[in-house]
N, C-alpha and C. Protein backbone atom coordinates (compact mmCIF):
# COMPACT_ATOMS: atom_id res chain seq x y z
N UNK A 1 209.74 189.24 94.06
CA UNK A 1 209.15 188.12 94.53
C UNK A 1 208.29 187.45 93.38
N UNK A 2 208.37 186.38 93.24
CA UNK A 2 207.95 185.51 92.27
C UNK A 2 206.36 185.34 92.27
N UNK A 3 205.59 185.23 91.22
CA UNK A 3 204.14 185.17 91.21
C UNK A 3 203.81 183.62 91.69
N UNK A 4 203.02 183.38 92.65
CA UNK A 4 202.55 182.09 92.93
C UNK A 4 201.28 181.75 92.31
N UNK A 5 201.10 180.70 91.63
CA UNK A 5 199.86 180.20 91.10
C UNK A 5 199.20 179.32 92.12
N UNK A 6 198.49 179.64 93.09
CA UNK A 6 197.85 179.17 94.23
C UNK A 6 196.43 179.41 94.16
N UNK A 7 195.66 178.39 94.43
CA UNK A 7 194.11 178.53 94.40
C UNK A 7 193.72 178.44 95.96
N UNK A 8 193.32 179.62 96.52
CA UNK A 8 192.84 179.78 97.96
C UNK A 8 191.30 179.73 97.76
N UNK A 9 190.71 179.29 98.61
CA UNK A 9 189.14 179.42 98.99
C UNK A 9 188.84 180.30 100.05
N UNK A 10 187.50 180.61 99.98
CA UNK A 10 187.21 181.49 101.21
C UNK A 10 187.74 181.01 102.56
N UNK A 11 187.63 179.83 102.76
CA UNK A 11 188.15 179.32 104.23
C UNK A 11 189.53 179.76 104.24
N UNK A 12 190.37 179.34 103.46
CA UNK A 12 192.04 179.88 103.50
C UNK A 12 192.22 181.30 103.81
N UNK A 13 191.23 182.28 103.16
CA UNK A 13 191.31 183.51 103.30
C UNK A 13 191.09 183.90 104.64
N UNK A 14 189.98 183.28 105.31
CA UNK A 14 189.58 183.46 106.43
C UNK A 14 190.58 183.00 107.50
N UNK A 15 191.22 182.04 107.39
CA UNK A 15 192.43 181.45 108.21
C UNK A 15 193.62 182.57 108.12
N UNK A 16 193.91 182.97 106.95
CA UNK A 16 194.79 183.90 106.92
C UNK A 16 194.54 185.22 107.60
N UNK A 17 193.42 185.92 107.40
CA UNK A 17 193.14 186.90 108.02
C UNK A 17 193.22 186.89 109.71
N UNK A 18 192.70 185.70 110.17
CA UNK A 18 192.83 185.59 111.37
C UNK A 18 194.14 185.41 112.07
N UNK A 19 195.04 184.55 111.24
CA UNK A 19 196.46 184.69 111.70
C UNK A 19 197.19 185.73 111.30
N UNK A 20 196.83 186.44 110.54
CA UNK A 20 197.62 187.84 110.24
C UNK A 20 197.13 188.91 111.16
N UNK A 21 196.05 188.79 111.76
CA UNK A 21 195.78 189.75 112.99
C UNK A 21 196.27 189.27 114.20
N UNK A 22 196.71 187.81 114.55
CA UNK A 22 197.12 187.46 115.50
C UNK A 22 197.68 186.21 115.31
N UNK A 23 199.01 186.01 114.92
CA UNK A 23 199.78 184.72 114.74
C UNK A 23 199.64 183.56 115.86
N UNK A 24 199.23 184.08 116.91
CA UNK A 24 199.27 183.10 118.19
C UNK A 24 198.05 182.65 118.36
N UNK A 25 197.12 182.89 117.44
CA UNK A 25 195.78 182.18 117.47
C UNK A 25 195.97 180.74 117.35
N UNK A 26 195.40 179.93 118.26
CA UNK A 26 195.63 178.39 117.88
C UNK A 26 194.56 177.95 117.05
N UNK A 27 194.77 176.66 116.72
CA UNK A 27 193.80 176.05 115.60
C UNK A 27 192.71 175.87 116.44
N UNK A 28 192.50 175.51 117.47
CA UNK A 28 191.14 175.45 118.13
C UNK A 28 190.34 176.43 118.12
N UNK A 29 190.89 177.72 118.12
CA UNK A 29 190.23 179.04 118.27
C UNK A 29 189.65 179.54 117.04
N UNK A 30 190.60 179.10 116.03
CA UNK A 30 190.33 179.30 114.47
C UNK A 30 189.13 178.26 114.24
N UNK A 31 189.22 177.10 114.59
CA UNK A 31 187.94 176.04 114.50
C UNK A 31 186.85 176.55 114.84
N UNK A 32 186.96 177.10 116.02
CA UNK A 32 185.65 177.40 116.67
C UNK A 32 185.13 178.59 115.93
N UNK A 33 185.90 179.57 115.63
CA UNK A 33 185.43 180.81 114.84
C UNK A 33 184.86 180.40 113.53
N UNK A 34 185.36 179.45 112.82
CA UNK A 34 185.05 179.14 111.52
C UNK A 34 183.91 178.02 111.46
N UNK A 35 183.68 177.41 112.64
CA UNK A 35 182.90 176.33 112.69
C UNK A 35 183.14 175.02 112.17
N UNK A 36 184.57 174.76 112.34
CA UNK A 36 185.19 173.59 111.76
C UNK A 36 186.01 173.01 113.05
N UNK A 37 186.63 171.56 112.35
CA UNK A 37 187.14 170.69 113.17
C UNK A 37 188.63 171.28 113.53
N UNK A 38 189.30 171.45 114.57
CA UNK A 38 190.41 171.86 114.66
C UNK A 38 191.59 170.91 113.93
N UNK A 39 191.26 169.70 113.71
CA UNK A 39 191.94 169.03 112.67
C UNK A 39 192.12 169.37 111.28
N UNK A 40 190.99 169.94 110.83
CA UNK A 40 190.81 170.32 109.69
C UNK A 40 191.62 171.85 109.44
N UNK A 41 191.44 172.49 110.39
CA UNK A 41 192.27 173.63 110.36
C UNK A 41 193.77 173.58 110.44
N UNK A 42 194.03 172.47 110.95
CA UNK A 42 195.72 172.15 111.04
C UNK A 42 196.11 171.67 109.73
N UNK A 43 195.36 171.04 109.21
CA UNK A 43 195.51 170.58 107.73
C UNK A 43 195.91 171.74 106.84
N UNK A 44 194.86 172.69 106.87
CA UNK A 44 194.91 173.91 105.72
C UNK A 44 196.08 174.65 106.26
N UNK A 45 196.40 174.87 107.40
CA UNK A 45 197.54 175.59 107.75
C UNK A 45 198.76 174.96 107.38
N UNK A 46 198.84 173.84 107.71
CA UNK A 46 200.11 173.11 107.11
C UNK A 46 200.24 173.19 105.48
N UNK A 47 199.11 172.98 104.86
CA UNK A 47 199.00 173.12 103.28
C UNK A 47 199.54 174.64 103.08
N UNK A 48 199.12 175.37 103.59
CA UNK A 48 199.32 176.91 103.39
C UNK A 48 200.97 177.10 103.56
N UNK A 49 201.40 176.51 104.76
CA UNK A 49 202.80 176.78 104.70
C UNK A 49 203.59 175.95 103.83
N UNK A 50 203.24 174.86 103.40
CA UNK A 50 203.70 173.94 102.21
C UNK A 50 203.83 174.73 100.95
N UNK A 51 202.66 175.47 100.60
CA UNK A 51 202.55 175.92 99.33
C UNK A 51 203.29 177.57 99.37
N UNK A 52 203.79 177.78 100.81
CA UNK A 52 204.70 179.30 101.06
C UNK A 52 203.59 180.51 100.77
N UNK A 53 202.24 180.07 101.16
CA UNK A 53 201.61 181.22 101.35
C UNK A 53 202.01 181.77 102.63
N UNK A 54 201.87 181.06 103.79
CA UNK A 54 202.60 181.51 105.07
C UNK A 54 203.93 181.13 105.15
N UNK A 55 204.61 182.37 105.06
CA UNK A 55 206.19 182.36 105.18
C UNK A 55 207.13 181.94 106.50
N UNK A 56 206.35 182.80 107.50
CA UNK A 56 207.02 182.60 108.74
C UNK A 56 205.88 183.29 109.90
N UNK A 57 206.20 183.19 111.21
CA UNK A 57 205.55 183.75 112.07
C UNK A 57 206.42 184.80 112.93
N UNK A 58 205.99 186.10 113.10
CA UNK A 58 206.79 187.11 113.86
C UNK A 58 206.15 187.76 115.01
N UNK A 59 207.17 188.23 115.72
CA UNK A 59 206.40 189.14 116.85
C UNK A 59 206.66 190.82 116.45
N UNK A 60 205.70 191.40 116.62
CA UNK A 60 206.21 192.91 116.20
C UNK A 60 206.69 193.46 117.27
N UNK A 61 207.92 193.86 117.44
CA UNK A 61 208.54 194.74 118.43
C UNK A 61 208.75 196.16 118.34
N UNK A 62 208.45 196.83 119.45
CA UNK A 62 208.66 198.51 119.23
C UNK A 62 210.13 198.57 119.02
N UNK A 63 210.51 199.41 118.00
CA UNK A 63 211.74 199.69 117.92
C UNK A 63 212.44 200.62 118.91
N UNK A 64 211.39 201.37 119.67
CA UNK A 64 212.26 202.40 120.62
C UNK A 64 212.46 201.32 121.74
N UNK A 65 212.06 200.47 121.95
CA UNK A 65 212.41 199.40 123.26
C UNK A 65 213.82 198.91 123.05
N UNK A 66 214.29 199.07 121.92
CA UNK A 66 215.51 198.60 121.38
C UNK A 66 216.40 199.38 121.19
N UNK A 67 216.12 200.80 121.26
CA UNK A 67 216.84 201.81 121.01
C UNK A 67 217.25 202.13 119.59
N UNK A 68 216.10 201.81 118.74
CA UNK A 68 216.27 201.95 117.43
C UNK A 68 215.47 202.88 116.84
N UNK A 69 215.59 204.15 117.19
CA UNK A 69 214.73 205.49 117.13
C UNK A 69 214.74 206.20 115.82
N UNK A 70 215.70 205.79 114.86
CA UNK A 70 215.76 206.66 113.85
C UNK A 70 215.63 205.65 112.51
N UNK A 71 214.40 206.00 111.76
CA UNK A 71 214.06 205.30 110.59
C UNK A 71 214.55 206.03 109.54
N UNK A 72 215.23 205.21 108.59
CA UNK A 72 215.78 206.04 107.19
C UNK A 72 215.34 205.28 106.10
N UNK A 73 215.46 205.68 105.05
CA UNK A 73 215.00 205.19 103.85
C UNK A 73 216.30 205.76 102.75
N UNK A 74 216.90 204.68 102.21
CA UNK A 74 218.28 205.15 101.33
C UNK A 74 218.20 204.60 99.97
N UNK A 75 218.22 205.56 99.16
CA UNK A 75 218.29 205.15 97.80
C UNK A 75 219.88 204.87 97.35
N UNK A 76 220.00 204.05 96.61
CA UNK A 76 221.50 203.71 96.32
C UNK A 76 221.45 203.37 94.71
N UNK A 77 222.43 204.04 94.47
CA UNK A 77 222.76 204.00 92.81
C UNK A 77 224.33 203.10 92.84
N UNK A 78 224.00 202.03 92.02
CA UNK A 78 225.24 201.11 92.06
C UNK A 78 225.68 200.82 90.73
N UNK A 79 226.74 200.28 90.63
CA UNK A 79 227.25 199.86 89.05
C UNK A 79 226.97 198.47 88.72
N UNK A 80 225.99 197.82 89.36
CA UNK A 80 225.53 196.58 89.22
C UNK A 80 224.80 196.73 87.57
N UNK A 81 225.00 195.55 87.07
CA UNK A 81 224.26 195.48 85.62
C UNK A 81 222.96 195.01 85.69
N UNK A 82 222.05 195.63 84.96
CA UNK A 82 220.48 195.26 85.06
C UNK A 82 220.29 193.75 85.48
N UNK A 83 219.65 193.44 86.38
CA UNK A 83 219.48 191.78 86.51
C UNK A 83 220.75 191.26 87.71
N UNK A 84 221.46 191.86 87.74
CA UNK A 84 222.63 191.42 88.75
C UNK A 84 222.45 191.89 90.04
N UNK A 85 222.33 191.11 90.92
CA UNK A 85 221.91 191.58 92.40
C UNK A 85 223.06 191.30 93.52
N UNK A 86 224.36 191.51 93.15
CA UNK A 86 225.31 191.00 94.02
C UNK A 86 225.37 192.12 95.31
N UNK A 87 225.21 193.40 95.00
CA UNK A 87 225.26 194.31 96.05
C UNK A 87 223.80 194.12 96.82
N UNK A 88 222.73 193.95 96.06
CA UNK A 88 221.60 193.67 96.95
C UNK A 88 221.81 192.46 98.16
N UNK A 89 222.51 191.46 97.83
CA UNK A 89 222.58 190.43 98.87
C UNK A 89 223.57 191.05 99.76
N UNK A 90 224.42 191.64 99.46
CA UNK A 90 225.50 192.38 100.59
C UNK A 90 224.74 193.45 101.58
N UNK A 91 223.59 194.14 100.94
CA UNK A 91 222.88 194.98 101.67
C UNK A 91 222.06 194.15 102.69
N UNK A 92 221.59 193.08 102.19
CA UNK A 92 220.53 192.35 102.87
C UNK A 92 221.20 191.74 104.33
N UNK A 93 222.54 191.61 104.10
CA UNK A 93 223.37 190.99 105.25
C UNK A 93 223.68 191.99 106.50
N UNK A 94 223.26 193.21 106.15
CA UNK A 94 223.71 194.29 107.17
C UNK A 94 222.61 194.29 108.08
N UNK A 95 222.82 193.93 109.51
CA UNK A 95 221.57 193.72 110.47
C UNK A 95 220.72 195.02 110.54
N UNK A 96 221.43 196.21 110.46
CA UNK A 96 220.30 197.57 110.59
C UNK A 96 219.42 197.75 109.39
N UNK A 97 219.66 196.91 108.23
CA UNK A 97 218.91 196.92 106.88
C UNK A 97 217.65 195.99 107.18
N UNK A 98 216.32 196.73 107.11
CA UNK A 98 215.24 195.98 107.28
C UNK A 98 214.62 195.33 106.07
N UNK A 99 214.96 196.20 104.95
CA UNK A 99 214.31 195.93 103.87
C UNK A 99 215.27 196.03 102.63
N UNK A 100 215.21 195.47 101.51
CA UNK A 100 215.98 195.84 100.45
C UNK A 100 215.14 195.47 99.19
N UNK A 101 215.04 196.74 98.36
CA UNK A 101 214.18 196.58 97.28
C UNK A 101 214.89 197.09 95.92
N UNK A 102 214.87 196.22 94.98
CA UNK A 102 215.53 196.34 93.55
C UNK A 102 214.50 197.40 92.82
N UNK A 103 214.70 198.63 92.49
CA UNK A 103 213.90 199.42 92.10
C UNK A 103 213.97 199.85 90.75
N UNK A 104 212.90 200.36 89.89
CA UNK A 104 213.13 201.25 88.60
C UNK A 104 213.52 202.69 88.92
N UNK A 105 214.02 202.93 87.80
CA UNK A 105 214.67 204.53 87.94
C UNK A 105 215.93 204.56 87.98
N UNK A 106 216.46 205.68 88.43
CA UNK A 106 217.75 206.00 88.50
C UNK A 106 218.57 205.32 89.40
N UNK A 107 217.99 205.03 90.64
CA UNK A 107 218.54 204.27 91.51
C UNK A 107 218.50 202.81 91.57
N UNK A 108 219.35 201.85 91.75
CA UNK A 108 219.03 200.66 91.83
C UNK A 108 218.50 199.98 92.91
N UNK A 109 218.56 200.46 94.12
CA UNK A 109 217.93 199.80 95.45
C UNK A 109 217.55 200.78 96.37
N UNK A 110 216.45 200.47 96.95
CA UNK A 110 216.04 201.55 98.07
C UNK A 110 216.12 200.38 99.44
N UNK A 111 216.67 200.73 100.43
CA UNK A 111 216.67 200.14 101.73
C UNK A 111 215.99 200.89 102.77
N UNK A 112 215.53 200.20 103.58
CA UNK A 112 214.93 200.68 105.02
C UNK A 112 215.93 200.25 105.99
N UNK A 113 216.34 201.24 106.97
CA UNK A 113 217.29 201.02 107.80
C UNK A 113 216.79 201.65 109.28
N UNK A 114 217.19 201.05 110.34
CA UNK A 114 216.99 201.48 111.56
C UNK A 114 218.27 201.62 112.45
N UNK A 115 218.34 202.80 112.94
CA UNK A 115 219.66 202.85 113.88
C UNK A 115 219.18 203.61 115.05
N UNK A 116 219.84 203.79 115.91
CA UNK A 116 219.92 204.51 117.29
C UNK A 116 219.47 205.91 117.21
N UNK A 117 220.37 206.61 116.32
CA UNK A 117 220.15 208.15 116.13
C UNK A 117 221.12 208.43 114.83
N UNK A 118 221.18 209.81 114.55
CA UNK A 118 221.88 210.40 113.42
C UNK A 118 223.31 209.80 113.55
N UNK A 119 224.07 209.65 114.54
CA UNK A 119 225.34 209.15 114.68
C UNK A 119 225.47 207.83 114.06
N UNK A 120 224.52 206.90 114.47
CA UNK A 120 224.51 205.31 114.10
C UNK A 120 224.21 205.28 112.63
N UNK A 121 223.50 206.34 112.14
CA UNK A 121 223.18 206.37 110.63
C UNK A 121 224.44 206.83 110.04
N UNK A 122 225.04 207.74 110.41
CA UNK A 122 226.46 208.19 109.87
C UNK A 122 227.51 206.93 110.03
N UNK A 123 227.54 206.25 111.04
CA UNK A 123 228.56 205.24 111.14
C UNK A 123 228.33 204.13 109.96
N UNK A 124 226.95 203.90 110.04
CA UNK A 124 226.53 202.85 109.12
C UNK A 124 226.76 203.17 107.63
N UNK A 125 226.55 204.31 107.02
CA UNK A 125 226.86 204.78 105.91
C UNK A 125 228.37 204.91 105.60
N UNK A 126 229.21 205.49 106.34
CA UNK A 126 230.75 205.62 106.46
C UNK A 126 231.49 204.14 106.34
N UNK A 127 231.07 203.50 107.54
CA UNK A 127 231.92 202.37 107.85
C UNK A 127 231.29 201.02 107.17
N UNK A 128 230.01 200.80 106.82
CA UNK A 128 229.61 199.61 106.00
C UNK A 128 229.15 199.78 104.77
N UNK A 129 228.18 200.72 104.35
CA UNK A 129 227.87 201.03 103.01
C UNK A 129 229.16 201.63 102.08
N UNK A 130 229.64 202.38 102.97
CA UNK A 130 231.19 203.03 102.24
C UNK A 130 231.97 201.90 101.90
N UNK A 131 232.08 200.92 102.48
CA UNK A 131 232.98 199.79 102.06
C UNK A 131 232.42 198.85 100.97
N UNK A 132 231.35 198.93 100.47
CA UNK A 132 230.88 198.05 99.62
C UNK A 132 231.18 198.28 98.01
N UNK A 133 231.97 197.75 97.60
CA UNK A 133 232.35 197.90 96.03
C UNK A 133 231.06 198.02 95.14
N UNK A 134 231.11 199.09 94.44
CA UNK A 134 230.03 199.14 93.36
C UNK A 134 228.80 200.08 93.90
N UNK A 135 228.91 200.69 94.92
CA UNK A 135 227.95 201.67 95.24
C UNK A 135 228.62 203.05 94.93
N UNK A 136 227.83 203.78 93.97
CA UNK A 136 228.32 204.92 93.53
C UNK A 136 227.80 206.07 94.23
N UNK A 137 226.60 206.00 94.69
CA UNK A 137 225.97 207.12 95.34
C UNK A 137 224.89 206.72 96.24
N UNK A 138 224.61 207.52 97.18
CA UNK A 138 223.45 207.22 98.00
C UNK A 138 222.39 208.54 98.40
N UNK A 139 221.38 208.39 98.62
CA UNK A 139 220.22 209.73 98.87
C UNK A 139 219.49 209.18 100.04
N UNK A 140 219.45 209.89 101.16
CA UNK A 140 218.85 209.45 102.41
C UNK A 140 217.83 210.27 102.76
N UNK A 141 216.76 209.68 103.15
CA UNK A 141 215.42 210.29 103.67
C UNK A 141 215.14 209.93 105.15
N UNK A 142 215.45 210.71 105.92
CA UNK A 142 215.10 210.61 107.41
C UNK A 142 213.70 210.69 107.81
N UNK A 143 213.05 209.77 108.31
CA UNK A 143 211.58 209.89 108.95
C UNK A 143 211.42 210.66 110.03
N UNK A 144 210.84 211.71 110.26
CA UNK A 144 210.39 212.41 111.46
C UNK A 144 209.50 211.92 112.07
N UNK A 145 208.29 211.36 111.60
CA UNK A 145 207.23 210.60 112.31
C UNK A 145 206.75 209.48 111.60
N UNK A 146 206.45 208.39 112.24
CA UNK A 146 205.68 207.30 111.50
C UNK A 146 204.20 207.46 111.77
N UNK A 147 203.58 207.78 110.75
CA UNK A 147 201.82 207.59 110.87
C UNK A 147 201.29 206.24 110.84
N UNK A 148 201.83 205.52 109.93
CA UNK A 148 201.27 204.05 109.82
C UNK A 148 202.80 203.33 109.21
N UNK A 149 202.86 202.20 109.88
CA UNK A 149 203.67 201.08 109.31
C UNK A 149 203.33 199.79 109.56
N UNK A 150 203.11 199.17 108.68
CA UNK A 150 202.23 197.78 108.50
C UNK A 150 202.66 197.04 107.48
N UNK A 151 202.83 195.74 108.00
CA UNK A 151 203.15 194.66 107.17
C UNK A 151 202.12 193.79 106.79
N UNK A 152 200.78 193.97 107.03
CA UNK A 152 199.62 193.26 106.70
C UNK A 152 199.42 193.49 105.27
N UNK A 153 198.89 192.29 104.88
CA UNK A 153 198.39 192.24 103.46
C UNK A 153 196.78 192.66 103.40
N UNK A 154 196.34 193.04 102.32
CA UNK A 154 194.94 193.11 101.99
C UNK A 154 194.38 191.75 101.68
N UNK A 155 193.79 190.93 102.44
CA UNK A 155 193.16 189.70 102.07
C UNK A 155 191.97 189.75 101.66
N UNK A 156 191.64 189.14 100.43
CA UNK A 156 190.19 189.30 99.83
C UNK A 156 189.28 188.64 100.48
N UNK A 157 187.95 189.22 100.46
CA UNK A 157 186.78 188.90 101.04
C UNK A 157 185.98 188.21 99.95
N UNK A 158 186.01 187.03 100.07
CA UNK A 158 185.09 186.05 99.18
C UNK A 158 183.66 185.65 99.47
């Protein structure tokens, strides 16, 4: 991820904190909480979107509700040349792959995968990953229990 040179003030941080806790919070509620006009909040939120500080708005869905009960992390060793990311983009296109990370060390990539069960994971590895040219080997870690899974960032208090 590229480093952004963006100057944020304490109001921006407060807006981000509120929106990160609940993206459905409307501008009027944010304005009321911060003692500002809703139009001023709307303008700030639009600027945060334009500056790519706010990238998107999502709903957090329970994976079990969609029968995606098995969480796995797969380390992937590839024949990619350092800096080349062709395989990474192929991995990113796989629906079960939630995250793709280019990592330091012996392995080239670390991916986060959700499947219904072990059979779904085997199928993914054999019939999808196994067909990507350039993957040399994989090491898979299956999650037994998730204690914390969070996408929230630590927002500075100024």
